[in-house]
Amino acid sequence: MDDQEKELRFYTTVLGFVKDKDIPISPFRWLTVNSPEGAQGGGTGSSAVGFPPAQTYQKALFDAGIPATAFLTEDIQAEFARFKERGVIFDGEPKKRWAQLFLWFFEDICGNLINLAQPLL
């Protein structure tokens, strides 16, 4: 994605993450976000998106239906409702798969598939 400000707004305003790191890597920035509850690990980094091999890899993952990342939640129904209310489009309703409740997938505005999951164990 070329518009990193738009990307940052999506992850902070729509998904509700908090900006953590904003590191200049000319001509881009490496951005990371974290859970507002303080849990570390959720992140978005787009410094290499302008690099053609990175774009090819990102598109290949998307086309194959492979998520770029997964976000864990303790209440998938609440997150599903909150994200939908904010305009996130999902490919279906939450459903049980294996030992977790998965919601395959929603798309961020950056060309990535994101998986939302609730561990049931």
C-alpha atoms as a PDB file:
ATOM      1  CA  MET A   1       0.000   0.000   0.000  1.00  0.00           C
ATOM      2  CA  ASP A   2       1.331   3.409  -0.909  1.00  0.00           C
ATOM      3  CA  ASP A   3      -0.622   5.462   1.648  1.00  0.00           C
ATOM      4  CA  GLN A   4       0.812   4.614   5.047  1.00  0.00           C
ATOM      5  CA  GLU A   5      -1.312   7.254   6.800  1.00  0.00           C
ATOM      6  CA  LYS A   6      -4.454   5.549   5.462  1.00  0.00           C
ATOM      7  CA  GLU A   7      -3.078   2.192   6.626  1.00  0.00           C
ATOM      8  CA  LEU A   8      -2.330   3.567  10.096  1.00  0.00           C
ATOM      9  CA  ARG A   9      -5.836   5.081  10.347  1.00  0.00           C
ATOM     10  CA  PHE A  10      -7.380   1.704   9.449  1.00  0.00           C
ATOM     11  CA  TYR A  11      -5.458  -0.177  12.114  1.00  0.00           C
ATOM     12  CA  THR A  12      -5.972   2.474  14.817  1.00  0.00           C
ATOM     13  CA  THR A  13      -9.411   3.932  14.058  1.00  0.00           C
ATOM     14  CA  VAL A  14     -11.236   0.953  12.538  1.00  0.00           C
ATOM     15  CA  LEU A  15      -9.582  -1.961  14.348  1.00  0.00           C
ATOM     16  CA  GLY A  16      -8.823  -0.023  17.537  1.00  0.00           C
ATOM     17  CA  PHE A  17      -5.096  -0.709  17.863  1.00  0.00           C
ATOM     18  CA  VAL A  18      -2.689   1.824  19.349  1.00  0.00           C
ATOM     19  CA  LYS A  19       0.326   3.090  17.407  1.00  0.00           C
ATOM     20  CA  ASP A  20       3.545   1.784  18.936  1.00  0.00           C
ATOM     21  CA  LYS A  21       6.549   2.274  16.634  1.00  0.00           C
ATOM     22  CA  ASP A  22       6.907   4.716  13.760  1.00  0.00           C
ATOM     23  CA  ILE A  23      10.421   4.280  12.372  1.00  0.00           C
ATOM     24  CA  PRO A  24      11.514   6.134   9.227  1.00  0.00           C
ATOM     25  CA  ILE A  25      13.047   3.857   6.590  1.00  0.00           C
ATOM     26  CA  SER A  26      13.536   6.110   3.615  1.00  0.00           C
ATOM     27  CA  PRO A  27      11.310   6.647   1.735  1.00  0.00           C
ATOM     28  CA  PHE A  28       8.805   4.652   3.853  1.00  0.00           C
ATOM     29  CA  ARG A  29       8.129   4.023   7.542  1.00  0.00           C
ATOM     30  CA  TRP A  30       7.981   0.852   9.595  1.00  0.00           C
ATOM     31  CA  LEU A  31       4.759   1.102  11.597  1.00  0.00           C
ATOM     32  CA  THR A  32       3.713  -1.186  14.415  1.00  0.00           C
ATOM     33  CA  VAL A  33       0.500  -1.236  16.402  1.00  0.00           C
ATOM     34  CA  ASN A  34      -0.477  -3.027  19.584  1.00  0.00           C
ATOM     35  CA  SER A  35      -3.609  -3.954  21.443  1.00  0.00           C
ATOM     36  CA  PRO A  36      -5.078  -1.155  23.560  1.00  0.00           C
ATOM     37  CA  GLU A  37      -5.043  -3.670  26.440  1.00  0.00           C
ATOM     38  CA  GLY A  38      -1.261  -3.640  26.258  1.00  0.00           C
ATOM     39  CA  ALA A  39      -0.721  -7.049  24.640  1.00  0.00           C
ATOM     40  CA  GLN A  40       2.291  -6.918  22.358  1.00  0.00           C
ATOM     41  CA  GLY A  41       2.630  -8.483  18.957  1.00  0.00           C
ATOM     42  CA  GLY A  42      -0.048  -7.134  16.654  1.00  0.00           C
ATOM     43  CA  GLY A  43       1.694  -5.209  13.984  1.00  0.00           C
ATOM     44  CA  THR A  44       1.595  -3.692  10.598  1.00  0.00           C
ATOM     45  CA  GLY A  45       4.705  -2.918   8.677  1.00  0.00           C
ATOM     46  CA  SER A  46       4.668  -1.579   5.178  1.00  0.00           C
ATOM     47  CA  SER A  47       8.156  -0.303   4.590  1.00  0.00           C
ATOM     48  CA  ALA A  48       8.786  -2.869   1.838  1.00  0.00           C
ATOM     49  CA  VAL A  49       5.459  -2.616   0.025  1.00  0.00           C
ATOM     50  CA  GLY A  50       6.961  -0.369  -2.647  1.00  0.00           C
ATOM     51  CA  PHE A  51       9.493  -3.107  -3.411  1.00  0.00           C
ATOM     52  CA  PRO A  52       8.161  -5.151  -6.393  1.00  0.00           C
ATOM     53  CA  PRO A  53       9.140  -8.619  -5.030  1.00  0.00           C
ATOM     54  CA  ALA A  54       7.320  -7.784  -1.772  1.00  0.00           C
ATOM     55  CA  GLN A  55       4.224  -6.788  -3.759  1.00  0.00           C
ATOM     56  CA  THR A  56       4.368 -10.076  -5.685  1.00  0.00           C
ATOM     57  CA  TYR A  57       4.649 -12.079  -2.449  1.00  0.00           C
ATOM     58  CA  GLN A  58       1.806 -10.141  -0.791  1.00  0.00           C
ATOM     59  CA  LYS A  59      -0.480 -10.706  -3.794  1.00  0.00           C
ATOM     60  CA  ALA A  60       0.429 -14.417  -3.934  1.00  0.00           C
ATOM     61  CA  LEU A  61      -0.534 -14.860  -0.267  1.00  0.00           C
ATOM     62  CA  PHE A  62      -3.798 -13.007  -0.829  1.00  0.00           C
ATOM     63  CA  ASP A  63      -4.662 -14.958  -3.985  1.00  0.00           C
ATOM     64  CA  ALA A  64      -3.929 -18.259  -2.202  1.00  0.00           C
ATOM     65  CA  GLY A  65      -6.206 -17.297   0.695  1.00  0.00           C
ATOM     66  CA  ILE A  66      -3.355 -17.292   3.206  1.00  0.00           C
ATOM     67  CA  PRO A  67      -3.696 -14.729   5.996  1.00  0.00           C
ATOM     68  CA  ALA A  68      -0.841 -12.311   6.546  1.00  0.00           C
ATOM     69  CA  THR A  69      -1.451 -12.448  10.290  1.00  0.00           C
ATOM     70  CA  ALA A  70      -3.964 -13.554  12.897  1.00  0.00           C
ATOM     71  CA  PHE A  71      -5.446 -11.615  15.771  1.00  0.00           C
ATOM     72  CA  LEU A  72      -6.527 -13.501  18.890  1.00  0.00           C
ATOM     73  CA  THR A  73      -9.518 -12.496  20.978  1.00  0.00           C
ATOM     74  CA  GLU A  74     -11.292 -13.832  24.048  1.00  0.00           C
ATOM     75  CA  ASP A  75     -14.725 -12.914  22.614  1.00  0.00           C
ATOM     76  CA  ILE A  76     -14.932 -13.443  18.881  1.00  0.00           C
ATOM     77  CA  GLN A  77     -18.642 -12.588  18.689  1.00  0.00           C
ATOM     78  CA  ALA A  78     -18.040  -9.166  20.303  1.00  0.00           C
ATOM     79  CA  GLU A  79     -15.042  -8.410  18.060  1.00  0.00           C
ATOM     80  CA  PHE A  80     -16.946  -9.597  14.985  1.00  0.00           C
ATOM     81  CA  ALA A  81     -19.844  -7.238  15.833  1.00  0.00           C
ATOM     82  CA  ARG A  82     -17.521  -4.319  16.674  1.00  0.00           C
ATOM     83  CA  PHE A  83     -15.468  -4.690  13.492  1.00  0.00           C
ATOM     84  CA  LYS A  84     -18.577  -5.088  11.304  1.00  0.00           C
ATOM     85  CA  GLU A  85     -20.076  -1.950  12.847  1.00  0.00           C
ATOM     86  CA  ARG A  86     -16.905  -0.104  11.832  1.00  0.00           C
ATOM     87  CA  GLY A  87     -17.161  -1.279   8.219  1.00  0.00           C
ATOM     88  CA  VAL A  88     -14.904  -4.354   8.190  1.00  0.00           C
ATOM     89  CA  ILE A  89     -16.120  -6.910   5.654  1.00  0.00           C
ATOM     90  CA  PHE A  90     -15.800 -10.573   6.618  1.00  0.00           C
ATOM     91  CA  ASP A  91     -16.063 -13.615   4.379  1.00  0.00           C
ATOM     92  CA  GLY A  92     -18.594 -15.282   6.680  1.00  0.00           C
ATOM     93  CA  GLU A  93     -19.780 -15.802  10.225  1.00  0.00           C
ATOM     94  CA  PRO A  94     -17.594 -17.102  13.058  1.00  0.00           C
ATOM     95  CA  LYS A  95     -17.345 -20.892  12.908  1.00  0.00           C
ATOM     96  CA  LYS A  96     -15.612 -23.591  14.890  1.00  0.00           C
ATOM     97  CA  ARG A  97     -12.529 -25.120  13.315  1.00  0.00           C
ATOM     98  CA  TRP A  98     -10.151 -27.517  15.019  1.00  0.00           C
ATOM     99  CA  ALA A  99      -9.466 -26.394  18.601  1.00  0.00           C
ATOM    100  CA  GLN A 100     -10.239 -22.740  17.955  1.00  0.00           C
ATOM    101  CA  LEU A 101     -13.145 -20.642  16.811  1.00  0.00           C
ATOM    102  CA  PHE A 102     -11.979 -19.047  13.592  1.00  0.00           C
ATOM    103  CA  LEU A 103     -13.371 -16.306  11.440  1.00  0.00           C
ATOM    104  CA  TRP A 104     -11.817 -16.698   8.002  1.00  0.00           C
ATOM    105  CA  PHE A 105     -11.110 -13.774   6.946  1.00  0.00           C
ATOM    106  CA  PHE A 106     -11.394 -10.089   6.682  1.00  0.00           C
ATOM    107  CA  GLU A 107      -9.376  -7.923   4.355  1.00  0.00           C
ATOM    108  CA  ASP A 108      -7.474  -4.900   5.533  1.00  0.00           C
ATOM    109  CA  ILE A 109      -7.124  -1.927   3.213  1.00  0.00           C
ATOM    110  CA  CYS A 110      -3.524  -2.884   2.468  1.00  0.00           C
ATOM    111  CA  GLY A 111      -4.121  -6.023   0.395  1.00  0.00           C
ATOM    112  CA  ASN A 112      -3.800  -8.517   3.259  1.00  0.00           C
ATOM    113  CA  LEU A 113      -6.108 -11.193   4.575  1.00  0.00           C
ATOM    114  CA  ILE A 114      -6.424 -11.190   8.363  1.00  0.00           C
ATOM    115  CA  ASN A 115      -7.655 -14.097  10.485  1.00  0.00           C
ATOM    116  CA  LEU A 116      -9.546 -13.423  13.715  1.00  0.00           C
ATOM    117  CA  ALA A 117      -9.440 -16.358  16.140  1.00  0.00           C
ATOM    118  CA  GLN A 118     -10.688 -17.243  19.599  1.00  0.00           C
ATOM    119  CA  PRO A 119      -8.896 -20.100  21.371  1.00  0.00           C
ATOM    120  CA  LEU A 120     -11.401 -22.473  22.948  1.00  0.00           C
ATOM    121  CA  LEU A 121      -8.924 -24.334  25.153  1.00  0.00           C
END
